[in-house]
Amino acid sequence: MDLYLQHWPSDQYDVSETMGAMVELVNKGFVKYVGVSNFSINLMERAQFHLGKVPLVCNQVGYHLNDRSIESDVLPFAKENGLTIMGYSPFGYAPGVFGMKGFPRVGSQERNVLDSIGVKYSKTAHQVALNWVLRQEGLVSIPKASNKEHIIDNLNALNWELEKEDLEQIEFNFPFGGIS
């Protein structure tokens, strides 16, 4: 297995126990790389300590226009320590999940901004949002792709860059304030 993640911190097992098991899996050749999901900085540091020489390579966390909370701590820590951030739900969570907004509805101010930027690049609002997420160095994203059309739509978010004024417009309409 190329990458094995601990999905969510456990209330049942201490990080030392889980990471000890991960080291064993790496040493036996069953797993190449170890990652975590939804870990704070403190938990990532503890995980790396208990992994010893086995590097912690990624942290899978939610990241999208309406949840930019990782920008204040987890993302800078990951960059400083060579960890990849694997951002899930780049189009937002289902409405009400974690008490947050989903993807901006058609007709909303936020959606109008994404739509207007999309027209400039011949892209959809979703492609603009995914491109915005992927602008971060050291960050990969795992958008939903349940069919061929989803895959093609997601691929069309790649190989182009939002201009500075478009980034500023997005930042203004989706301000950082942690979780919204």
C-alpha atoms as a PDB file:
ATOM      1  CA  MET A   1       0.000   0.000   0.000  1.00  0.00           C
ATOM      2  CA  ASP A   2       1.458   3.344  -0.997  1.00  0.00           C
ATOM      3  CA  LEU A   3      -0.147   5.515   1.675  1.00  0.00           C
ATOM      4  CA  TYR A   4      -1.947   4.530   4.859  1.00  0.00           C
ATOM      5  CA  LEU A   5      -3.824   7.214   6.805  1.00  0.00           C
ATOM      6  CA  GLN A   6      -5.176   7.247  10.300  1.00  0.00           C
ATOM      7  CA  HIS A   7      -8.584   8.717   9.575  1.00  0.00           C
ATOM      8  CA  TRP A   8      -9.495  11.053  12.473  1.00  0.00           C
ATOM      9  CA  PRO A   9      -7.699  11.115  15.791  1.00  0.00           C
ATOM     10  CA  SER A  10      -8.839   8.270  18.012  1.00  0.00           C
ATOM     11  CA  ASP A  11     -10.439   8.630  21.421  1.00  0.00           C
ATOM     12  CA  GLN A  12      -9.894   4.913  21.942  1.00  0.00           C
ATOM     13  CA  TYR A  13      -6.191   4.517  21.074  1.00  0.00           C
ATOM     14  CA  ASP A  14      -3.298   6.789  21.914  1.00  0.00           C
ATOM     15  CA  VAL A  15      -1.267   8.247  19.045  1.00  0.00           C
ATOM     16  CA  SER A  16       1.780   6.356  20.309  1.00  0.00           C
ATOM     17  CA  GLU A  17       0.017   3.012  19.894  1.00  0.00           C
ATOM     18  CA  THR A  18      -1.339   3.793  16.434  1.00  0.00           C
ATOM     19  CA  MET A  19       1.925   5.191  15.117  1.00  0.00           C
ATOM     20  CA  GLY A  20       3.814   2.230  16.595  1.00  0.00           C
ATOM     21  CA  ALA A  21       1.585  -0.051  14.532  1.00  0.00           C
ATOM     22  CA  MET A  22       2.202   2.123  11.460  1.00  0.00           C
ATOM     23  CA  VAL A  23       5.976   1.800  11.927  1.00  0.00           C
ATOM     24  CA  GLU A  24       5.580  -1.959  12.103  1.00  0.00           C
ATOM     25  CA  LEU A  25       3.596  -1.957   8.827  1.00  0.00           C
ATOM     26  CA  VAL A  26       6.287   0.144   7.125  1.00  0.00           C
ATOM     27  CA  ASN A  27       9.103  -2.043   8.464  1.00  0.00           C
ATOM     28  CA  LYS A  28       7.354  -5.188   7.215  1.00  0.00           C
ATOM     29  CA  GLY A  29       6.973  -3.605   3.757  1.00  0.00           C
ATOM     30  CA  PHE A  30       3.160  -3.567   3.785  1.00  0.00           C
ATOM     31  CA  VAL A  31       3.001   0.236   3.700  1.00  0.00           C
ATOM     32  CA  LYS A  32       5.321   2.756   1.997  1.00  0.00           C
ATOM     33  CA  TYR A  33       4.121   6.016   3.577  1.00  0.00           C
ATOM     34  CA  VAL A  34       2.174   7.101   6.646  1.00  0.00           C
ATOM     35  CA  GLY A  35      -0.320   9.944   6.900  1.00  0.00           C
ATOM     36  CA  VAL A  36      -3.036  11.212   9.192  1.00  0.00           C
ATOM     37  CA  SER A  37      -6.374  12.886   8.770  1.00  0.00           C
ATOM     38  CA  ASN A  38      -7.828  15.817  10.705  1.00  0.00           C
ATOM     39  CA  PHE A  39      -4.826  16.126  13.018  1.00  0.00           C
ATOM     40  CA  SER A  40      -3.912  19.346  14.821  1.00  0.00           C
ATOM     41  CA  ILE A  41      -0.321  20.566  14.952  1.00  0.00           C
ATOM     42  CA  ASN A  42       0.113  19.023  18.392  1.00  0.00           C
ATOM     43  CA  LEU A  43      -1.150  15.660  17.177  1.00  0.00           C
ATOM     44  CA  MET A  44       1.040  15.791  14.048  1.00  0.00           C
ATOM     45  CA  GLU A  45       4.080  16.485  16.238  1.00  0.00           C
ATOM     46  CA  ARG A  46       3.178  13.602  18.543  1.00  0.00           C
ATOM     47  CA  ALA A  47       2.578  11.307  15.564  1.00  0.00           C
ATOM     48  CA  GLN A  48       5.990  12.151  14.075  1.00  0.00           C
ATOM     49  CA  PHE A  49       7.676  11.638  17.435  1.00  0.00           C
ATOM     50  CA  HIS A  50       6.198   8.140  17.727  1.00  0.00           C
ATOM     51  CA  LEU A  51       6.952   7.323  14.082  1.00  0.00           C
ATOM     52  CA  GLY A  52      10.648   7.905  14.751  1.00  0.00           C
ATOM     53  CA  LYS A  53      12.567   7.650  11.478  1.00  0.00           C
ATOM     54  CA  VAL A  54       9.408   6.919   9.466  1.00  0.00           C
ATOM     55  CA  PRO A  55       8.305  10.283   8.051  1.00  0.00           C
ATOM     56  CA  LEU A  56       4.763  11.547   8.425  1.00  0.00           C
ATOM     57  CA  VAL A  57       4.016  12.587   4.838  1.00  0.00           C
ATOM     58  CA  CYS A  58       0.520  14.087   4.845  1.00  0.00           C
ATOM     59  CA  ASN A  59      -2.481  15.324   6.770  1.00  0.00           C
ATOM     60  CA  GLN A  60      -5.883  15.020   5.109  1.00  0.00           C
ATOM     61  CA  VAL A  61      -8.097  17.936   6.184  1.00  0.00           C
ATOM     62  CA  GLY A  62     -11.123  19.811   4.901  1.00  0.00           C
ATOM     63  CA  TYR A  63     -10.255  22.849   2.802  1.00  0.00           C
ATOM     64  CA  HIS A  64     -12.518  24.971   0.639  1.00  0.00           C
ATOM     65  CA  LEU A  65     -13.689  28.545   0.160  1.00  0.00           C
ATOM     66  CA  ASN A  66     -15.940  28.451   3.231  1.00  0.00           C
ATOM     67  CA  ASP A  67     -13.496  26.563   5.467  1.00  0.00           C
ATOM     68  CA  ARG A  68     -10.067  28.144   5.347  1.00  0.00           C
ATOM     69  CA  SER A  69      -9.212  27.430   8.986  1.00  0.00           C
ATOM     70  CA  ILE A  70      -6.064  25.440   8.103  1.00  0.00           C
ATOM     71  CA  GLU A  71      -4.473  28.592   6.667  1.00  0.00           C
ATOM     72  CA  SER A  72      -3.700  29.944  10.139  1.00  0.00           C
ATOM     73  CA  ASP A  73      -1.829  26.968  11.554  1.00  0.00           C
ATOM     74  CA  VAL A  74      -1.990  23.522   9.935  1.00  0.00           C
ATOM     75  CA  LEU A  75      -1.025  24.650   6.418  1.00  0.00           C
ATOM     76  CA  PRO A  76       2.008  26.758   7.480  1.00  0.00           C
ATOM     77  CA  PHE A  77       3.158  23.949   9.796  1.00  0.00           C
ATOM     78  CA  ALA A  78       2.861  21.425   6.966  1.00  0.00           C
ATOM     79  CA  LYS A  79       4.839  23.641   4.593  1.00  0.00           C
ATOM     80  CA  GLU A  80       7.594  24.207   7.181  1.00  0.00           C
ATOM     81  CA  ASN A  81       7.848  20.471   7.843  1.00  0.00           C
ATOM     82  CA  GLY A  82       7.546  19.085   4.317  1.00  0.00           C
ATOM     83  CA  LEU A  83       4.120  17.503   4.803  1.00  0.00           C
ATOM     84  CA  THR A  84       1.584  17.428   2.015  1.00  0.00           C
ATOM     85  CA  ILE A  85      -1.894  18.667   2.804  1.00  0.00           C
ATOM     86  CA  MET A  86      -4.573  16.520   1.187  1.00  0.00           C
ATOM     87  CA  GLY A  87      -7.616  18.788   1.105  1.00  0.00           C
ATOM     88  CA  TYR A  88     -10.960  17.039   1.090  1.00  0.00           C
ATOM     89  CA  SER A  89     -14.347  18.517   0.167  1.00  0.00           C
ATOM     90  CA  PRO A  90     -12.964  21.293  -2.081  1.00  0.00           C
ATOM     91  CA  PHE A  91     -16.535  22.289  -2.987  1.00  0.00           C
ATOM     92  CA  GLY A  92     -17.672  22.503   0.619  1.00  0.00           C
ATOM     93  CA  TYR A  93     -19.450  20.143   2.918  1.00  0.00           C
ATOM     94  CA  ALA A  94     -23.070  19.173   2.538  1.00  0.00           C
ATOM     95  CA  PRO A  95     -25.145  22.078   3.899  1.00  0.00           C
ATOM     96  CA  GLY A  96     -25.240  21.904   7.668  1.00  0.00           C
ATOM     97  CA  VAL A  97     -22.385  19.404   7.998  1.00  0.00           C
ATOM     98  CA  PHE A  98     -20.012  20.727  10.678  1.00  0.00           C
ATOM     99  CA  GLY A  99     -22.472  23.647  10.865  1.00  0.00           C
ATOM    100  CA  MET A 100     -21.087  25.138   7.658  1.00  0.00           C
ATOM    101  CA  LYS A 101     -22.272  26.358   4.309  1.00  0.00           C
ATOM    102  CA  GLY A 102     -22.044  24.157   1.255  1.00  0.00           C
ATOM    103  CA  PHE A 103     -21.058  25.344  -2.205  1.00  0.00           C
ATOM    104  CA  PRO A 104     -22.540  28.783  -2.964  1.00  0.00           C
ATOM    105  CA  ARG A 105     -26.050  28.534  -4.401  1.00  0.00           C
ATOM    106  CA  VAL A 106     -26.855  29.881  -7.850  1.00  0.00           C
ATOM    107  CA  GLY A 107     -27.866  33.514  -7.492  1.00  0.00           C
ATOM    108  CA  SER A 108     -25.960  34.164  -4.259  1.00  0.00           C
ATOM    109  CA  GLN A 109     -23.337  36.926  -4.148  1.00  0.00           C
ATOM    110  CA  GLU A 110     -20.558  34.374  -3.665  1.00  0.00           C
ATOM    111  CA  ARG A 111     -21.742  32.239  -6.594  1.00  0.00           C
ATOM    112  CA  ASN A 112     -22.063  35.308  -8.826  1.00  0.00           C
ATOM    113  CA  VAL A 113     -18.411  36.106  -8.082  1.00  0.00           C
ATOM    114  CA  LEU A 114     -17.287  32.577  -9.006  1.00  0.00           C
ATOM    115  CA  ASP A 115     -19.504  32.544 -12.104  1.00  0.00           C
ATOM    116  CA  SER A 116     -18.185  35.910 -13.330  1.00  0.00           C
ATOM    117  CA  ILE A 117     -14.577  34.852 -12.810  1.00  0.00           C
ATOM    118  CA  GLY A 118     -15.378  31.586 -14.587  1.00  0.00           C
ATOM    119  CA  VAL A 119     -16.683  33.438 -17.649  1.00  0.00           C
ATOM    120  CA  LYS A 120     -13.317  35.207 -17.933  1.00  0.00           C
ATOM    121  CA  TYR A 121     -11.506  31.854 -18.174  1.00  0.00           C
ATOM    122  CA  SER A 122     -14.291  29.841 -19.866  1.00  0.00           C
ATOM    123  CA  LYS A 123     -14.592  27.766 -16.673  1.00  0.00           C
ATOM    124  CA  THR A 124     -17.386  26.798 -14.304  1.00  0.00           C
ATOM    125  CA  ALA A 125     -17.756  28.113 -10.766  1.00  0.00           C
ATOM    126  CA  HIS A 126     -16.648  24.697  -9.476  1.00  0.00           C
ATOM    127  CA  GLN A 127     -13.524  24.809 -11.651  1.00  0.00           C
ATOM    128  CA  VAL A 128     -12.702  28.278 -10.322  1.00  0.00           C
ATOM    129  CA  ALA A 129     -13.144  27.054  -6.733  1.00  0.00           C
ATOM    130  CA  LEU A 130     -10.975  23.971  -7.296  1.00  0.00           C
ATOM    131  CA  ASN A 131      -8.294  26.040  -9.024  1.00  0.00           C
ATOM    132  CA  TRP A 132      -8.321  28.405  -6.022  1.00  0.00           C
ATOM    133  CA  VAL A 133      -7.847  25.473  -3.634  1.00  0.00           C
ATOM    134  CA  LEU A 134      -4.970  24.086  -5.690  1.00  0.00           C
ATOM    135  CA  ARG A 135      -3.108  27.413  -5.799  1.00  0.00           C
ATOM    136  CA  GLN A 136      -1.436  26.463  -2.516  1.00  0.00           C
ATOM    137  CA  GLU A 137       1.991  24.875  -2.874  1.00  0.00           C
ATOM    138  CA  GLY A 138       2.215  21.538  -1.087  1.00  0.00           C
ATOM    139  CA  LEU A 139      -1.530  20.967  -1.237  1.00  0.00           C
ATOM    140  CA  VAL A 140      -3.400  18.345  -3.232  1.00  0.00           C
ATOM    141  CA  SER A 141      -7.143  17.997  -3.385  1.00  0.00           C
ATOM    142  CA  ILE A 142      -9.514  15.068  -3.612  1.00  0.00           C
ATOM    143  CA  PRO A 143     -12.682  16.296  -5.309  1.00  0.00           C
ATOM    144  CA  LYS A 144     -15.621  13.992  -5.856  1.00  0.00           C
ATOM    145  CA  ALA A 145     -15.532  12.187  -9.182  1.00  0.00           C
ATOM    146  CA  SER A 146     -18.419   9.732  -9.372  1.00  0.00           C
ATOM    147  CA  ASN A 147     -18.536   9.643 -13.155  1.00  0.00           C
ATOM    148  CA  LYS A 148     -16.528  10.504 -16.267  1.00  0.00           C
ATOM    149  CA  GLU A 149     -18.054  14.003 -16.502  1.00  0.00           C
ATOM    150  CA  HIS A 150     -16.937  14.799 -12.931  1.00  0.00           C
ATOM    151  CA  ILE A 151     -13.422  13.698 -13.777  1.00  0.00           C
ATOM    152  CA  ILE A 152     -13.334  15.887 -16.914  1.00  0.00           C
ATOM    153  CA  ASP A 153     -14.788  18.867 -15.017  1.00  0.00           C
ATOM    154  CA  ASN A 154     -12.178  18.477 -12.290  1.00  0.00           C
ATOM    155  CA  LEU A 155      -9.354  18.181 -14.790  1.00  0.00           C
ATOM    156  CA  ASN A 156     -10.475  21.468 -16.376  1.00  0.00           C
ATOM    157  CA  ALA A 157      -9.595  23.194 -13.111  1.00  0.00           C
ATOM    158  CA  LEU A 158      -5.920  22.490 -13.856  1.00  0.00           C
ATOM    159  CA  ASN A 159      -3.233  24.126 -15.996  1.00  0.00           C
ATOM    160  CA  TRP A 160      -4.343  27.727 -15.680  1.00  0.00           C
ATOM    161  CA  GLU A 161      -3.893  30.366 -12.973  1.00  0.00           C
ATOM    162  CA  LEU A 162      -6.252  32.880 -11.476  1.00  0.00           C
ATOM    163  CA  GLU A 163      -4.982  36.426 -11.940  1.00  0.00           C
ATOM    164  CA  LYS A 164      -4.190  38.585  -8.926  1.00  0.00           C
ATOM    165  CA  GLU A 165      -7.399  40.640  -9.174  1.00  0.00           C
ATOM    166  CA  ASP A 166      -9.489  37.462  -9.325  1.00  0.00           C
ATOM    167  CA  LEU A 167      -7.742  36.059  -6.249  1.00  0.00           C
ATOM    168  CA  GLU A 168      -8.390  39.345  -4.462  1.00  0.00           C
ATOM    169  CA  GLN A 169     -12.075  39.230  -5.413  1.00  0.00           C
ATOM    170  CA  ILE A 170     -12.338  35.663  -4.099  1.00  0.00           C
ATOM    171  CA  GLU A 171     -10.500  36.597  -0.892  1.00  0.00           C
ATOM    172  CA  PHE A 172     -12.889  39.525  -0.360  1.00  0.00           C
ATOM    173  CA  ASN A 173     -16.024  37.422  -0.892  1.00  0.00           C
ATOM    174  CA  PHE A 174     -14.741  34.374   0.990  1.00  0.00           C
ATOM    175  CA  PRO A 175     -12.764  36.034   3.784  1.00  0.00           C
ATOM    176  CA  PHE A 176     -10.521  34.046   6.058  1.00  0.00           C
ATOM    177  CA  GLY A 177     -12.015  33.833   9.468  1.00  0.00           C
ATOM    178  CA  GLY A 178     -11.509  30.226  10.288  1.00  0.00           C
ATOM    179  CA  ILE A 179     -14.568  28.074   9.910  1.00  0.00           C
ATOM    180  CA  SER A 180     -17.697  29.833   8.703  1.00  0.00           C
END
